N, C-alpha and C. Protein backbone atom coordinates (compact mmCIF):
# COMPACT_ATOMS: atom_id res chain seq x y z
N MET A 1 -116.08 6.39 85.34
CA MET A 1 -114.91 5.83 85.95
C MET A 1 -113.71 5.91 85.00
N ALA A 2 -113.96 5.60 83.76
CA ALA A 2 -112.87 5.65 82.78
C ALA A 2 -112.33 7.07 82.66
N PHE A 3 -113.22 8.05 82.69
CA PHE A 3 -112.80 9.45 82.62
C PHE A 3 -111.91 9.79 83.81
N GLY A 4 -112.28 9.32 85.00
CA GLY A 4 -111.47 9.56 86.19
C GLY A 4 -110.10 8.94 86.08
N PHE A 5 -110.05 7.72 85.54
CA PHE A 5 -108.76 7.05 85.37
C PHE A 5 -107.89 7.82 84.38
N VAL A 6 -108.48 8.30 83.30
CA VAL A 6 -107.72 9.07 82.31
C VAL A 6 -107.18 10.36 82.92
N ILE A 7 -108.00 11.04 83.70
CA ILE A 7 -107.54 12.28 84.35
C ILE A 7 -106.37 11.98 85.29
N GLU A 8 -106.51 10.95 86.10
CA GLU A 8 -105.46 10.61 87.05
C GLU A 8 -104.16 10.24 86.33
N ARG A 9 -104.25 9.42 85.31
CA ARG A 9 -103.04 9.00 84.59
C ARG A 9 -102.44 10.15 83.79
N PHE A 10 -103.28 11.06 83.28
CA PHE A 10 -102.75 12.20 82.54
C PHE A 10 -101.94 13.10 83.47
N GLY A 11 -102.40 13.25 84.70
CA GLY A 11 -101.64 14.04 85.68
C GLY A 11 -100.28 13.43 85.92
N LEU A 12 -100.22 12.10 86.05
CA LEU A 12 -98.95 11.41 86.23
C LEU A 12 -98.06 11.60 85.00
N PHE A 13 -98.66 11.50 83.82
CA PHE A 13 -97.93 11.69 82.56
C PHE A 13 -97.32 13.09 82.50
N MET A 14 -98.09 14.10 82.89
CA MET A 14 -97.59 15.48 82.85
C MET A 14 -96.47 15.69 83.87
N ARG A 15 -96.55 15.07 85.03
CA ARG A 15 -95.50 15.23 86.03
C ARG A 15 -94.18 14.61 85.57
N LEU A 16 -94.27 13.61 84.69
CA LEU A 16 -93.05 13.00 84.18
C LEU A 16 -92.24 13.97 83.32
N PHE A 17 -92.94 14.94 82.73
CA PHE A 17 -92.25 15.91 81.87
C PHE A 17 -91.82 17.16 82.60
N LEU A 18 -92.15 17.28 83.88
CA LEU A 18 -91.69 18.42 84.67
C LEU A 18 -90.21 18.27 84.96
N PRO A 19 -89.51 19.38 85.11
CA PRO A 19 -88.10 19.27 85.47
C PRO A 19 -87.94 18.56 86.82
N ASP A 20 -86.82 17.86 86.99
CA ASP A 20 -86.57 17.13 88.23
C ASP A 20 -86.54 18.10 89.40
N GLN A 21 -87.19 17.75 90.47
CA GLN A 21 -87.27 18.60 91.66
C GLN A 21 -86.16 18.25 92.65
N GLY A 22 -84.99 17.95 92.17
CA GLY A 22 -83.87 17.62 93.05
C GLY A 22 -83.99 16.23 93.66
N GLY A 23 -84.60 15.31 92.94
CA GLY A 23 -84.73 13.94 93.42
C GLY A 23 -85.87 13.75 94.40
N HIS A 24 -86.70 14.75 94.58
CA HIS A 24 -87.83 14.61 95.49
C HIS A 24 -88.88 13.68 94.90
N HIS A 25 -89.63 13.04 95.79
CA HIS A 25 -90.73 12.17 95.38
C HIS A 25 -91.80 13.01 94.67
N ILE A 26 -92.36 12.47 93.60
CA ILE A 26 -93.43 13.17 92.88
C ILE A 26 -94.67 13.22 93.75
N GLU A 27 -95.16 14.42 93.97
CA GLU A 27 -96.35 14.62 94.80
C GLU A 27 -97.62 14.38 93.98
N ARG A 28 -98.68 14.00 94.68
CA ARG A 28 -99.97 13.82 94.03
C ARG A 28 -100.56 15.20 93.77
N GLY A 29 -100.97 15.40 92.54
CA GLY A 29 -101.55 16.68 92.16
C GLY A 29 -103.06 16.66 92.20
N ILE A 30 -103.64 17.75 91.76
CA ILE A 30 -105.09 17.87 91.73
C ILE A 30 -105.71 16.85 90.79
N SER A 31 -105.01 16.50 89.72
CA SER A 31 -105.55 15.52 88.77
C SER A 31 -105.74 14.17 89.44
N PHE A 32 -104.87 13.83 90.37
CA PHE A 32 -105.00 12.56 91.09
C PHE A 32 -106.32 12.55 91.87
N TRP A 33 -106.58 13.61 92.62
CA TRP A 33 -107.77 13.66 93.46
C TRP A 33 -109.04 13.79 92.64
N VAL A 34 -109.00 14.55 91.56
CA VAL A 34 -110.18 14.66 90.69
C VAL A 34 -110.45 13.31 90.02
N GLY A 35 -109.41 12.64 89.56
CA GLY A 35 -109.57 11.33 88.95
C GLY A 35 -110.15 10.32 89.92
N ILE A 36 -109.63 10.31 91.15
CA ILE A 36 -110.15 9.41 92.18
C ILE A 36 -111.61 9.72 92.46
N ALA A 37 -111.96 11.00 92.52
CA ALA A 37 -113.35 11.39 92.78
C ALA A 37 -114.28 10.88 91.68
N PHE A 38 -113.86 10.98 90.42
CA PHE A 38 -114.68 10.47 89.31
C PHE A 38 -114.83 8.95 89.39
N ILE A 39 -113.78 8.26 89.72
CA ILE A 39 -113.85 6.81 89.82
C ILE A 39 -114.81 6.40 90.94
N LEU A 40 -114.67 7.03 92.10
CA LEU A 40 -115.56 6.70 93.21
C LEU A 40 -117.00 7.11 92.93
N LEU A 41 -117.19 8.21 92.22
CA LEU A 41 -118.54 8.63 91.83
C LEU A 41 -119.17 7.58 90.91
N GLY A 42 -118.39 7.04 90.01
CA GLY A 42 -118.89 5.98 89.13
C GLY A 42 -119.27 4.73 89.90
N ALA A 43 -118.43 4.36 90.87
CA ALA A 43 -118.73 3.18 91.70
C ALA A 43 -119.99 3.42 92.53
N TYR A 44 -120.10 4.61 93.10
CA TYR A 44 -121.29 4.96 93.89
C TYR A 44 -122.55 4.94 93.03
N SER A 45 -122.45 5.47 91.81
CA SER A 45 -123.59 5.48 90.90
C SER A 45 -124.04 4.07 90.54
N ALA A 46 -123.08 3.18 90.35
CA ALA A 46 -123.42 1.79 90.02
C ALA A 46 -124.16 1.12 91.17
N VAL A 47 -123.70 1.34 92.39
CA VAL A 47 -124.37 0.74 93.56
C VAL A 47 -125.75 1.36 93.75
N THR A 48 -125.85 2.68 93.64
CA THR A 48 -127.13 3.36 93.81
C THR A 48 -128.13 2.92 92.75
N ALA A 49 -127.69 2.77 91.53
CA ALA A 49 -128.58 2.32 90.46
C ALA A 49 -129.09 0.91 90.75
N THR A 50 -128.23 0.06 91.29
CA THR A 50 -128.64 -1.30 91.63
C THR A 50 -129.71 -1.30 92.72
N VAL A 51 -129.51 -0.48 93.74
CA VAL A 51 -130.49 -0.39 94.84
C VAL A 51 -131.82 0.13 94.32
N GLN A 52 -131.79 1.18 93.50
CA GLN A 52 -133.02 1.74 92.95
C GLN A 52 -133.74 0.75 92.05
N TYR A 53 -133.00 0.04 91.25
CA TYR A 53 -133.57 -0.96 90.35
C TYR A 53 -134.28 -2.05 91.15
N ARG A 54 -133.65 -2.50 92.22
CA ARG A 54 -134.26 -3.54 93.06
C ARG A 54 -135.55 -3.03 93.71
N LYS A 55 -135.57 -1.77 94.12
CA LYS A 55 -136.78 -1.19 94.73
C LYS A 55 -137.93 -1.16 93.72
N VAL A 56 -137.63 -0.74 92.51
CA VAL A 56 -138.67 -0.69 91.47
C VAL A 56 -139.12 -2.09 91.11
N LEU A 57 -138.21 -3.01 91.01
CA LEU A 57 -138.54 -4.39 90.65
C LEU A 57 -139.50 -5.03 91.66
N LYS A 58 -139.34 -4.68 92.93
CA LYS A 58 -140.22 -5.22 93.96
C LYS A 58 -141.66 -4.74 93.81
N THR A 59 -141.86 -3.60 93.15
CA THR A 59 -143.22 -3.08 92.98
C THR A 59 -143.95 -3.73 91.81
N LEU A 60 -143.22 -4.46 90.97
CA LEU A 60 -143.84 -5.09 89.81
C LEU A 60 -144.38 -6.47 90.14
N LYS A 61 -145.45 -6.80 89.50
CA LYS A 61 -146.00 -8.15 89.61
C LYS A 61 -145.26 -9.04 88.62
N PRO A 62 -145.16 -10.31 88.89
CA PRO A 62 -144.45 -11.21 87.96
C PRO A 62 -144.97 -11.13 86.52
N VAL A 63 -146.27 -10.89 86.35
CA VAL A 63 -146.82 -10.82 85.01
C VAL A 63 -146.35 -9.54 84.27
N GLU A 64 -145.90 -8.55 85.00
CA GLU A 64 -145.45 -7.29 84.39
C GLU A 64 -144.01 -7.36 83.89
N ILE A 65 -143.30 -8.39 84.26
CA ILE A 65 -141.92 -8.56 83.81
C ILE A 65 -141.96 -9.36 82.52
N PRO A 66 -141.39 -8.80 81.44
CA PRO A 66 -141.43 -9.49 80.15
C PRO A 66 -140.78 -10.88 80.20
N ALA A 67 -141.32 -11.77 79.41
CA ALA A 67 -140.77 -13.13 79.34
C ALA A 67 -139.34 -13.09 78.82
N GLY A 68 -138.47 -13.82 79.46
CA GLY A 68 -137.07 -13.88 79.04
C GLY A 68 -136.22 -12.73 79.54
N TYR A 69 -136.81 -11.82 80.31
CA TYR A 69 -136.06 -10.66 80.82
C TYR A 69 -135.20 -11.10 82.00
N SER A 70 -133.93 -10.85 81.94
CA SER A 70 -133.02 -11.21 83.03
C SER A 70 -133.03 -10.10 84.07
N ILE A 71 -133.59 -10.39 85.22
CA ILE A 71 -133.66 -9.37 86.27
C ILE A 71 -132.35 -9.24 87.04
N ASN A 72 -131.43 -10.18 86.88
CA ASN A 72 -130.17 -10.13 87.62
C ASN A 72 -128.97 -9.70 86.78
N GLY A 73 -129.12 -9.65 85.48
CA GLY A 73 -127.99 -9.28 84.61
C GLY A 73 -127.44 -7.90 84.91
N GLY A 74 -128.31 -6.93 84.99
CA GLY A 74 -127.87 -5.56 85.28
C GLY A 74 -127.31 -5.41 86.67
N VAL A 75 -127.90 -6.11 87.62
CA VAL A 75 -127.43 -6.05 89.00
C VAL A 75 -126.01 -6.59 89.09
N ILE A 76 -125.78 -7.73 88.50
CA ILE A 76 -124.44 -8.34 88.54
C ILE A 76 -123.42 -7.43 87.85
N THR A 77 -123.79 -6.89 86.71
CA THR A 77 -122.87 -6.01 85.98
C THR A 77 -122.55 -4.76 86.79
N ASN A 78 -123.57 -4.12 87.36
CA ASN A 78 -123.34 -2.91 88.15
C ASN A 78 -122.47 -3.19 89.38
N LEU A 79 -122.71 -4.30 90.04
CA LEU A 79 -121.91 -4.62 91.22
C LEU A 79 -120.47 -4.94 90.83
N MET A 80 -120.27 -5.57 89.68
CA MET A 80 -118.90 -5.81 89.20
C MET A 80 -118.21 -4.50 88.87
N VAL A 81 -118.92 -3.58 88.23
CA VAL A 81 -118.35 -2.26 87.91
C VAL A 81 -117.97 -1.53 89.18
N ALA A 82 -118.84 -1.55 90.19
CA ALA A 82 -118.54 -0.89 91.46
C ALA A 82 -117.32 -1.52 92.12
N PHE A 83 -117.26 -2.85 92.14
CA PHE A 83 -116.11 -3.54 92.73
C PHE A 83 -114.82 -3.19 92.00
N LEU A 84 -114.86 -3.19 90.68
CA LEU A 84 -113.66 -2.85 89.90
C LEU A 84 -113.25 -1.39 90.10
N GLY A 85 -114.21 -0.51 90.26
CA GLY A 85 -113.90 0.89 90.52
C GLY A 85 -113.20 1.07 91.86
N ILE A 86 -113.68 0.38 92.87
CA ILE A 86 -113.05 0.46 94.19
C ILE A 86 -111.67 -0.19 94.15
N THR A 87 -111.55 -1.30 93.44
CA THR A 87 -110.25 -1.95 93.28
C THR A 87 -109.27 -1.04 92.57
N LEU A 88 -109.72 -0.35 91.54
CA LEU A 88 -108.87 0.60 90.82
C LEU A 88 -108.43 1.73 91.72
N THR A 89 -109.32 2.23 92.54
CA THR A 89 -108.97 3.31 93.47
C THR A 89 -107.89 2.85 94.45
N VAL A 90 -108.05 1.66 95.00
CA VAL A 90 -107.03 1.13 95.91
C VAL A 90 -105.70 0.97 95.19
N TYR A 91 -105.74 0.46 93.98
CA TYR A 91 -104.51 0.30 93.18
C TYR A 91 -103.81 1.64 92.96
N LEU A 92 -104.58 2.67 92.62
CA LEU A 92 -103.98 3.98 92.35
C LEU A 92 -103.32 4.57 93.60
N PHE A 93 -103.90 4.31 94.76
CA PHE A 93 -103.27 4.79 95.99
C PHE A 93 -101.99 4.02 96.29
N ILE A 94 -101.99 2.73 96.02
CA ILE A 94 -100.80 1.91 96.30
C ILE A 94 -99.70 2.18 95.28
N ALA A 95 -100.08 2.38 94.01
CA ALA A 95 -99.10 2.54 92.93
C ALA A 95 -98.37 3.88 92.97
N GLN A 96 -98.90 4.85 93.65
CA GLN A 96 -98.27 6.18 93.68
C GLN A 96 -97.05 6.18 94.53
């Protein structure tokens, strides 16, 4: 996701140095769409990893889970990452 954000912002940075197009609005370039794709791919990966983790966890017996192991820590983190990625995508569409 961070890589996607960097690509998207770098495209905006490069457009700032282009000569003025007669006062026309700056168009979204390929870097915008590639950056958005990376961000959404990261959010999708976080959600998919959470679903897969839950499926595997259901196959384990309680005795197979190590003592003190937090089974919800990774789930909460992944879902927060996915939410923030989607929020960032919405922000980038609105900010343009």
